[in-house]
C-alpha cells in the first residue's frame, strides 16, 4: 500500500501548480531513490536535493534537476541472477530467459541438478553482492542450474515457496541453500520454528543455511581464538538448525575498511560440493546410497563403545538395519540377534579395556588421509604427524566398526 502510493504520487504531483506540489514531488522522488538503495539512486537523491534546495547550487543552475535519472526501485521480492537484464517475478519468465539465453552461454544442460538460493534484497540493492555472484558462478561452473530468490522482508519462506515450489508446496529444485545465514521465518529479528518446519516438510528437499560473517571482519575472524562470534553462533547456527537446516559453512567475510562482503573461494568450493552432493543423493536409489552409523566412545580405550545412559544402542541399530533393508537399502549379512550384532562390532561383547578388542572396519593410509583431509597440515601443530598414537597400528589409521552391505 505505502510503496504503491510512493511510486504513484510523483506522476500526479508534477501536474499540480505551486511550490508545495514541487516540494512534495521532490520529497517522494528522493524517498524512492532512498528505497532503491543502489549507488546510482543515492547519487541521484543527493543531486536532486542539492539542485532544488542548496542556494548556491540553485543560483548557478549547477544541476539540471529535470535531467536527473528517475528512481529505480527494486521489487521487494523476485528472482535475481547476476547476468540477467532484469528482476523476474515468475519462475516461468525466469526459466524462459535462463534456458534460451543463459544456459547455452555457460554450457549447462537443461536437465542438470538444480539449486535454489535464498538471498537478502539489501545486498542486491546496494550491489554488495560479490559473495552471491561468486556462489552462483561456482554452481554453474560445476554444471548446475541456479534459481536465486530474494525478499526485502524477514520471512524467507515466502520467496522460497512462491518461486521454487509447486502448488503442493513440494520443491521444484533439488536442494536449497539459504545464503542469508538466518532463520527461514523471521530472519535475525525472530524465529517461527513451527512455520519453518511446516514449510520445509512440504518442500521436502535438503535445506542448507550458510553463514556470511556479520559481527566480525574477515581479518578479525581469522585471528580470533573463539572463531565465529558467539552472537552469530546463536543467530546463524543454532536457530537455523532448530528450523531443520544443515551445513553451517562460513562462505563470506566482511572487509574491515569498506564493510563490503568478500567471498571466501575455498569455502564457496566446499559449500558447492556439499550442496550438489545433497542434490545428487536425493536422486539416487536407496540401494545406491551409503550410510554410516557412528557409535559413541569417549574417553577412548575405556571399554565404553556404544554406551549411553538408559538407551539400548545396539538394539536400536539392529532395528534400524532391518528397516533400511525393508526400504531397499543394500544391507547384507545382518546377524540374527542384537547380541550377534554387538559381537560383530566388538570381538569382546563387554568391550573390554583395549582398542585391540574392537573390529577394524578399514585401514586408511597416511597418503589417503592427507588427500581426503584438506586441513591435515594445520592439524599437525597440535596433534602431531599422522598416523599418531591412537587408533593406529603404527602404519595406518584404523577405522573401527563393521560393514554390512
Protein backbone atom coordinates (compact mmCIF):
# COMPACT_ATOMS: atom_id res chain seq x y z
CA UNK A 1 0.00 0.00 0.00
CA UNK A 2 2.53 2.63 1.12
CA UNK A 3 5.10 1.61 -1.51
CA UNK A 4 2.45 1.75 -4.21
CA UNK A 5 1.47 5.26 -3.04
CA UNK A 6 5.12 6.38 -3.03
CA UNK A 7 5.54 5.17 -6.61
CA UNK A 8 2.31 6.78 -7.88
CA UNK A 9 2.34 10.23 -6.25
CA UNK A 10 5.14 11.83 -8.34
CA UNK A 11 3.21 11.15 -11.53
CA UNK A 12 0.26 13.14 -10.14
CA UNK A 13 2.15 15.90 -8.32
CA UNK A 14 4.07 17.08 -11.39
CA UNK A 15 0.80 18.29 -12.94
CA UNK A 16 -0.11 20.45 -9.92
CA UNK A 17 1.00 24.11 -9.78
CA UNK A 18 2.90 25.73 -6.93
CA UNK A 19 5.97 25.14 -4.82
CA UNK A 20 4.15 22.86 -2.39
CA UNK A 21 3.49 20.32 -5.13
CA UNK A 22 7.09 20.73 -6.21
CA UNK A 23 8.31 20.11 -2.66
CA UNK A 24 6.06 17.09 -2.31
CA UNK A 25 7.28 15.66 -5.59
CA UNK A 26 10.92 16.22 -4.63
CA UNK A 27 10.35 14.52 -1.28
CA UNK A 28 8.62 11.49 -2.79
CA UNK A 29 11.21 11.13 -5.55
CA UNK A 30 14.04 11.40 -3.02
CA UNK A 31 12.32 8.76 -0.87
CA UNK A 32 12.07 6.50 -3.92
CA UNK A 33 15.79 6.94 -4.58
CA UNK A 34 16.50 6.09 -0.95
CA UNK A 35 14.33 2.98 -1.07
CA UNK A 36 16.05 1.94 -4.30
CA UNK A 37 19.29 1.83 -2.36
CA UNK A 38 21.68 1.44 -5.29
CA UNK A 39 24.72 3.75 -5.58
CA UNK A 40 23.13 5.36 -8.64
CA UNK A 41 19.90 6.00 -6.74
CA UNK A 42 21.71 7.53 -3.78
CA UNK A 43 23.77 9.77 -6.06
CA UNK A 44 20.60 10.93 -7.83
CA UNK A 45 18.91 11.61 -4.47
CA UNK A 46 21.74 13.89 -3.34
CA UNK A 47 21.81 15.70 -6.69
CA UNK A 48 18.02 16.19 -6.60
CA UNK A 49 18.10 17.68 -3.10
CA UNK A 50 21.14 19.84 -3.83
CA UNK A 51 19.79 21.00 -7.19
CA UNK A 52 16.46 22.07 -5.71
CA UNK A 53 17.33 23.35 -2.24
CA UNK A 54 21.01 24.34 -1.81
CA UNK A 55 21.02 28.10 -2.54
CA UNK A 56 24.46 28.31 -4.12
CA UNK A 57 23.69 25.36 -6.41
CA UNK A 58 20.22 26.65 -7.31
CA UNK A 59 21.55 30.17 -8.05
CA UNK A 60 24.13 28.94 -10.54
CA UNK A 61 21.92 26.26 -12.14
CA UNK A 62 24.79 23.88 -11.49
CA UNK A 63 22.47 20.86 -11.60
CA UNK A 64 19.70 20.30 -14.13
CA UNK A 65 17.12 18.65 -11.89
CA UNK A 66 14.96 17.66 -14.87
CA UNK A 67 17.77 15.55 -16.34
CA UNK A 68 18.37 13.52 -13.15
CA UNK A 69 17.52 9.85 -13.56
CA UNK A 70 14.15 8.62 -12.40
CA UNK A 71 14.20 6.42 -9.28
CA UNK A 72 14.86 2.76 -9.98
CA UNK A 73 13.14 0.84 -7.20
CA UNK A 74 13.94 -2.84 -6.95
CA UNK A 75 10.86 -5.03 -6.47
CA UNK A 76 10.50 -6.10 -2.86
CA UNK A 77 10.67 -9.74 -3.93
CA UNK A 78 11.77 -11.50 -7.08
CA UNK A 79 14.15 -13.82 -8.92
CA UNK A 80 17.65 -12.42 -9.44
CA UNK A 81 20.63 -13.53 -11.50
CA UNK A 82 23.88 -11.57 -11.86
CA UNK A 83 23.78 -11.91 -15.67
CA UNK A 84 20.06 -11.27 -16.15
CA UNK A 85 18.85 -7.99 -17.68
CA UNK A 86 16.03 -7.67 -15.13
CA UNK A 87 14.41 -8.99 -11.97
CA UNK A 88 11.85 -11.69 -12.76
CA UNK A 89 8.54 -12.06 -10.93
CA UNK A 90 7.75 -15.62 -12.01
CA UNK A 91 9.77 -18.82 -12.44
CA UNK A 92 8.25 -19.24 -15.92
CA UNK A 93 9.67 -15.92 -17.16
CA UNK A 94 13.00 -16.64 -15.50
CA UNK A 95 13.28 -20.13 -16.99
CA UNK A 96 12.47 -18.81 -20.46
CA UNK A 97 15.44 -16.41 -20.26
CA UNK A 98 17.63 -18.90 -18.41
CA UNK A 99 17.14 -21.79 -20.82
CA UNK A 100 17.11 -19.85 -24.09
CA UNK A 101 19.80 -17.27 -23.37
CA UNK A 102 21.99 -18.10 -20.38
CA UNK A 103 22.35 -21.90 -20.27
CA UNK A 104 23.77 -22.16 -23.82
CA UNK A 105 26.37 -19.49 -22.97
CA UNK A 106 27.62 -21.23 -19.81
CA UNK A 107 27.28 -24.77 -21.16
CA UNK A 108 24.86 -26.10 -18.54
CA UNK A 109 22.38 -28.80 -19.56
CA UNK A 110 18.65 -28.18 -19.13
CA UNK A 111 18.28 -31.38 -17.08
CA UNK A 112 21.23 -30.58 -14.79
CA UNK A 113 20.82 -30.69 -10.98
CA UNK A 114 19.10 -27.52 -9.80
CA UNK A 115 19.91 -25.43 -6.74
CA UNK A 116 17.56 -22.89 -5.18
CA UNK A 117 19.37 -20.00 -3.48
CA UNK A 118 17.73 -17.67 -0.92
CA UNK A 119 19.12 -14.10 -0.75
CA UNK A 120 18.63 -10.76 1.01
CA UNK A 121 17.38 -7.81 -1.02
CA UNK A 122 19.68 -5.33 0.75
CA UNK A 123 22.83 -6.86 -0.73
CA UNK A 124 21.36 -6.82 -4.23
CA UNK A 125 20.00 -3.27 -3.98
CA UNK A 126 23.33 -1.86 -2.75
CA UNK A 127 25.33 -4.01 -5.18
CA UNK A 128 27.20 -5.53 -2.26
CA UNK A 129 26.61 -8.89 -3.93
CA UNK A 130 30.13 -10.19 -4.64
CA UNK A 131 29.61 -13.23 -2.40
CA UNK A 132 26.28 -14.02 -4.11
CA UNK A 133 27.83 -13.71 -7.58
CA UNK A 134 30.75 -15.98 -6.61
CA UNK A 135 28.36 -18.64 -5.32
CA UNK A 136 26.20 -18.59 -8.47
CA UNK A 137 29.27 -18.77 -10.69
CA UNK A 138 30.65 -21.75 -8.76
CA UNK A 139 27.39 -23.70 -9.05
CA UNK A 140 27.17 -23.05 -12.79
CA UNK A 141 30.87 -23.81 -13.28
CA UNK A 142 30.10 -27.26 -11.88
CA UNK A 143 27.24 -27.76 -14.33
CA UNK A 144 24.26 -26.98 -12.09
CA UNK A 145 21.20 -24.84 -12.70
CA UNK A 146 20.57 -21.98 -10.25
CA UNK A 147 17.44 -20.09 -9.24
CA UNK A 148 18.07 -17.19 -6.82
CA UNK A 149 15.08 -15.69 -4.99
CA UNK A 150 15.26 -12.71 -2.65
CA UNK A 151 12.99 -10.69 -0.39
CA UNK A 152 13.18 -7.40 1.45
CA UNK A 153 11.23 -8.89 4.34
CA UNK A 154 12.29 -11.31 7.06
CA UNK A 155 10.16 -14.30 6.05
CA UNK A 156 12.40 -16.09 3.56
CA UNK A 157 9.90 -18.93 3.21
CA UNK A 158 7.71 -16.66 1.04
CA UNK A 159 10.05 -16.36 -1.99
CA UNK A 160 11.16 -19.96 -1.48
CA UNK A 161 7.62 -21.34 -1.78
CA UNK A 162 6.49 -18.82 -4.42
CA UNK A 163 9.39 -19.31 -6.84
CA UNK A 164 10.86 -22.73 -6.01
CA UNK A 165 7.85 -24.88 -5.09
CA UNK A 166 4.88 -26.45 -6.80
CA UNK A 167 1.29 -25.71 -5.74
CA UNK A 168 1.51 -28.62 -3.29
CA UNK A 169 4.48 -26.98 -1.55
CA UNK A 170 6.97 -29.59 -2.77
CA UNK A 171 10.20 -28.18 -4.13
CA UNK A 172 10.91 -27.86 -7.86
CA UNK A 173 14.66 -27.64 -7.17
CA UNK A 174 16.90 -30.45 -5.92
CA UNK A 175 18.33 -28.60 -2.92
CA UNK A 176 18.09 -25.16 -1.29
CA UNK A 177 20.95 -23.02 0.03
CA UNK A 178 19.99 -20.07 2.25
CA UNK A 179 22.86 -17.58 1.91
CA UNK A 180 21.37 -15.07 4.38
CA UNK A 181 22.51 -17.22 7.29
CA UNK A 182 19.28 -16.54 9.19
CA UNK A 183 16.16 -18.45 10.22
CA UNK A 184 13.76 -19.28 7.40
CA UNK A 185 10.83 -17.48 9.05
CA UNK A 186 11.84 -14.40 10.99
CA UNK A 187 15.39 -13.74 9.90
CA UNK A 188 17.62 -12.09 12.51
CA UNK A 189 14.70 -10.47 14.34
CA UNK A 190 12.72 -13.51 15.47
CA UNK A 191 12.03 -17.13 14.68
CA UNK A 192 8.91 -19.11 13.86
CA UNK A 193 10.27 -22.65 14.01
CA UNK A 194 6.79 -24.18 13.77
CA UNK A 195 6.06 -22.44 10.45
CA UNK A 196 9.57 -23.22 9.17
CA UNK A 197 9.07 -26.91 9.92
CA UNK A 198 5.72 -26.96 8.11
CA UNK A 199 7.23 -25.28 5.03
CA UNK A 200 10.32 -27.50 4.94
CA UNK A 201 8.31 -30.70 5.49
CA UNK A 202 6.18 -29.88 2.45
CA UNK A 203 9.17 -28.68 0.43
CA UNK A 204 10.94 -32.00 1.15
CA UNK A 205 14.41 -31.05 -0.09
CA UNK A 206 17.81 -30.74 1.62
CA UNK A 207 17.99 -27.27 3.23
CA UNK A 208 21.41 -25.71 3.86
CA UNK A 209 21.97 -22.42 5.72
CA UNK A 210 25.38 -20.88 5.06
CA UNK A 211 26.96 -18.06 7.01
CA UNK A 212 28.33 -14.66 5.93
CA UNK A 213 30.36 -13.00 8.69
CA UNK A 214 28.30 -10.18 10.21
CA UNK A 215 29.80 -9.20 13.57
CA UNK A 216 33.44 -9.66 12.55
CA UNK A 217 35.58 -8.62 9.64
CA UNK A 218 37.37 -11.33 7.69
CA UNK A 219 40.66 -10.49 9.45
CA UNK A 220 39.08 -10.43 12.93
CA UNK A 221 37.55 -13.85 12.36
CA UNK A 222 40.82 -15.31 11.08
CA UNK A 223 42.77 -14.02 14.08
CA UNK A 224 40.14 -14.88 16.69
CA UNK A 225 40.76 -17.74 19.14
CA UNK A 226 36.98 -18.08 19.53
CA UNK A 227 36.25 -18.30 15.81
CA UNK A 228 32.69 -17.29 14.96
CA UNK A 229 31.27 -14.56 17.23
CA UNK A 230 29.00 -16.09 19.95
CA UNK A 231 26.05 -13.89 18.95
CA UNK A 232 26.37 -15.11 15.37
CA UNK A 233 26.62 -18.71 16.55
CA UNK A 234 23.24 -18.28 18.25
CA UNK A 235 21.56 -16.37 15.40
CA UNK A 236 23.02 -18.14 12.38
CA UNK A 237 23.90 -21.64 13.56
CA UNK A 238 21.66 -22.62 16.47
CA UNK A 239 18.36 -21.03 15.37
CA UNK A 240 18.51 -22.25 11.73
CA UNK A 241 19.31 -25.76 12.98
CA UNK A 242 16.08 -25.66 15.03
CA UNK A 243 14.29 -24.99 11.71
CA UNK A 244 15.95 -28.09 10.24
CA UNK A 245 18.94 -26.52 8.48
CA UNK A 246 22.24 -28.35 7.89
CA UNK A 247 25.81 -27.49 6.78
CA UNK A 248 26.52 -24.15 8.58
CA UNK A 249 29.57 -23.29 6.46
CA UNK A 250 31.06 -19.77 6.61
CA UNK A 251 31.34 -18.72 2.97
CA UNK A 252 31.91 -14.94 3.03
CA UNK A 253 33.69 -12.35 5.13
CA UNK A 254 33.47 -8.61 5.55
CA UNK A 255 36.15 -6.12 4.57
CA UNK A 256 37.40 -4.25 7.62
CA UNK A 257 37.66 -0.93 5.74
CA UNK A 258 34.69 -0.80 3.35
CA UNK A 259 32.40 -3.24 5.17
CA UNK A 260 31.60 -4.94 1.87
CA UNK A 261 31.19 -8.70 1.58
CA UNK A 262 34.20 -10.75 0.47
CA UNK A 263 33.67 -14.27 -0.94
CA UNK A 264 35.92 -16.98 0.53
CA UNK A 265 36.60 -19.09 -2.54
CA UNK A 266 37.85 -22.22 -0.77
CA UNK A 267 34.71 -22.28 1.38
CA UNK A 268 32.46 -21.49 -1.57
CA UNK A 269 34.01 -24.53 -3.27
CA UNK A 270 33.27 -26.67 -0.19
CA UNK A 271 29.70 -25.38 0.04
CA UNK A 272 29.06 -26.03 -3.66
CA UNK A 273 30.40 -29.57 -3.28
CA UNK A 274 28.16 -30.29 -0.30
CA UNK A 275 25.04 -28.76 -1.86
CA UNK A 276 25.45 -30.64 -5.15
CA UNK A 277 26.22 -33.89 -3.35
CA UNK A 278 22.94 -33.49 -1.46
CA UNK A 279 21.17 -32.79 -4.76
CA UNK A 280 22.61 -35.93 -6.37
CA UNK A 281 21.93 -38.03 -3.29
CA UNK A 282 18.23 -37.16 -3.47
CA UNK A 283 18.02 -38.74 -6.95
CA UNK A 284 19.87 -41.95 -6.07
CA UNK A 285 18.01 -45.19 -5.49
CA UNK A 286 18.16 -46.39 -1.89
CA UNK A 287 20.25 -49.38 -2.93
CA UNK A 288 22.95 -46.99 -4.19
CA UNK A 289 23.17 -44.92 -1.02
CA UNK A 290 25.86 -45.38 1.63
CA UNK A 291 25.07 -44.82 5.31
CA UNK A 292 27.47 -44.57 8.23
CA UNK A 293 26.25 -45.02 11.83
CA UNK A 294 28.71 -43.53 14.33
CA UNK A 295 28.90 -45.03 17.83
CA UNK A 296 29.81 -43.07 20.95
CA UNK A 297 33.14 -43.97 22.54
CA UNK A 298 34.62 -41.42 24.93
CA UNK A 299 37.04 -41.43 26.54
CA UNK A 300 38.68 -43.83 24.10
CA UNK A 301 40.14 -47.16 25.14
CA UNK A 302 37.97 -47.37 28.27
CA UNK A 303 35.58 -50.15 27.35
CA UNK A 304 32.54 -47.96 26.60
CA UNK A 305 31.82 -48.43 22.88
CA UNK A 306 28.14 -47.85 22.15
CA UNK A 307 27.23 -46.98 25.72
CA UNK A 308 24.58 -44.38 26.55
CA UNK A 309 22.57 -43.84 29.72
CA UNK A 310 19.19 -45.63 29.58
CA UNK A 311 19.48 -46.30 25.84
CA UNK A 312 19.71 -49.65 24.08
CA UNK A 313 22.24 -48.59 21.43
CA UNK A 314 22.85 -51.91 19.69
CA UNK A 315 19.15 -52.79 19.91
CA UNK A 316 18.32 -49.53 18.15
CA UNK A 317 20.95 -50.10 15.45
CA UNK A 318 19.62 -53.63 14.91
CA UNK A 319 16.09 -52.25 14.34
CA UNK A 320 17.38 -49.51 12.00
CA UNK A 321 19.32 -52.02 9.89
CA UNK A 322 16.24 -54.20 9.44
CA UNK A 323 14.12 -51.16 8.49
CA UNK A 324 16.75 -49.99 5.99
CA UNK A 325 16.69 -53.39 4.32
CA UNK A 326 12.90 -53.24 4.08
CA UNK A 327 13.15 -49.87 2.33
CA UNK A 328 15.52 -51.11 -0.35
CA UNK A 329 18.94 -50.24 1.04
CA UNK A 330 21.71 -52.72 0.32
CA UNK A 331 22.06 -54.33 3.76
CA UNK A 332 23.70 -57.75 3.90
CA UNK A 333 24.76 -60.32 6.48
CA UNK A 334 22.84 -58.82 9.40
CA UNK A 335 23.37 -61.01 12.48
CA UNK A 336 20.29 -62.84 13.73
CA UNK A 337 20.26 -61.14 17.12
CA UNK A 338 21.22 -57.95 18.90
CA UNK A 339 23.94 -59.85 20.75
CA UNK A 340 25.29 -61.10 17.43
CA UNK A 341 25.43 -57.53 16.10
CA UNK A 342 27.28 -56.38 19.19
CA UNK A 343 29.73 -59.24 18.93
CA UNK A 344 30.43 -58.49 15.26
CA UNK A 345 31.47 -54.94 16.16
CA UNK A 346 33.24 -55.88 19.37
CA UNK A 347 35.17 -59.13 19.43
CA UNK A 348 34.62 -58.89 23.18
CA UNK A 349 30.86 -58.27 23.82
CA UNK A 350 31.78 -56.43 27.02
CA UNK A 351 34.04 -54.02 25.10
CA UNK A 352 36.97 -54.95 27.31
CA UNK A 353 39.73 -52.45 28.06
CA UNK A 354 41.80 -52.47 24.90
CA UNK A 355 41.24 -50.93 21.50
CA UNK A 356 42.67 -54.11 20.03
CA UNK A 357 39.44 -55.88 21.03
CA UNK A 358 37.45 -53.85 18.50
CA UNK A 359 36.77 -54.96 14.94
CA UNK A 360 38.79 -53.00 12.33
CA UNK A 361 36.46 -51.99 9.51
CA UNK A 362 39.01 -50.13 7.39
CA UNK A 363 42.70 -49.29 7.32
CA UNK A 364 43.42 -45.82 5.93
CA UNK A 365 46.92 -44.99 4.72
CA UNK A 366 48.51 -41.67 5.65
CA UNK A 367 48.54 -40.68 1.97
CA UNK A 368 44.80 -41.28 1.68
CA UNK A 369 44.13 -39.39 4.91
CA UNK A 370 46.10 -36.34 3.75
CA UNK A 371 44.33 -36.40 0.39
CA UNK A 372 40.88 -36.51 2.00
CA UNK A 373 41.56 -34.02 4.81
CA UNK A 374 42.32 -30.51 3.46
CA UNK A 375 43.42 -29.37 6.93
CA UNK A 376 45.87 -32.21 7.56
CA UNK A 377 48.94 -29.95 7.68
CA UNK A 378 47.23 -27.45 10.04
CA UNK A 379 46.36 -30.25 12.46
CA UNK A 380 49.99 -31.28 12.88
CA UNK A 381 50.72 -28.31 15.15
CA UNK A 382 48.57 -29.66 17.99
CA UNK A 383 48.15 -33.35 17.11
CA UNK A 384 51.47 -34.26 15.57
CA UNK A 385 52.17 -36.10 12.33
CA UNK A 386 49.82 -38.89 11.21
CA UNK A 387 49.13 -41.71 11.88
CA UNK A 388 49.65 -40.59 15.52
CA UNK A 389 49.45 -42.86 18.54
CA UNK A 390 45.70 -43.55 18.89
CA UNK A 391 43.66 -45.78 16.60
CA UNK A 392 46.68 -46.89 14.61
CA UNK A 393 48.87 -49.93 14.10
CA UNK A 394 51.88 -47.67 13.61
CA UNK A 395 51.43 -47.54 9.85
CA UNK A 396 47.76 -46.91 9.02
CA UNK A 397 44.87 -45.09 10.71
CA UNK A 398 42.38 -47.71 11.93
CA UNK A 399 38.64 -47.16 11.43
CA UNK A 400 36.88 -49.42 13.92
CA UNK A 401 33.49 -50.89 13.01
CA UNK A 402 31.74 -53.40 10.82
CA UNK A 403 30.38 -53.22 7.29
CA UNK A 404 27.01 -54.67 6.36
CA UNK A 405 26.49 -54.39 2.61
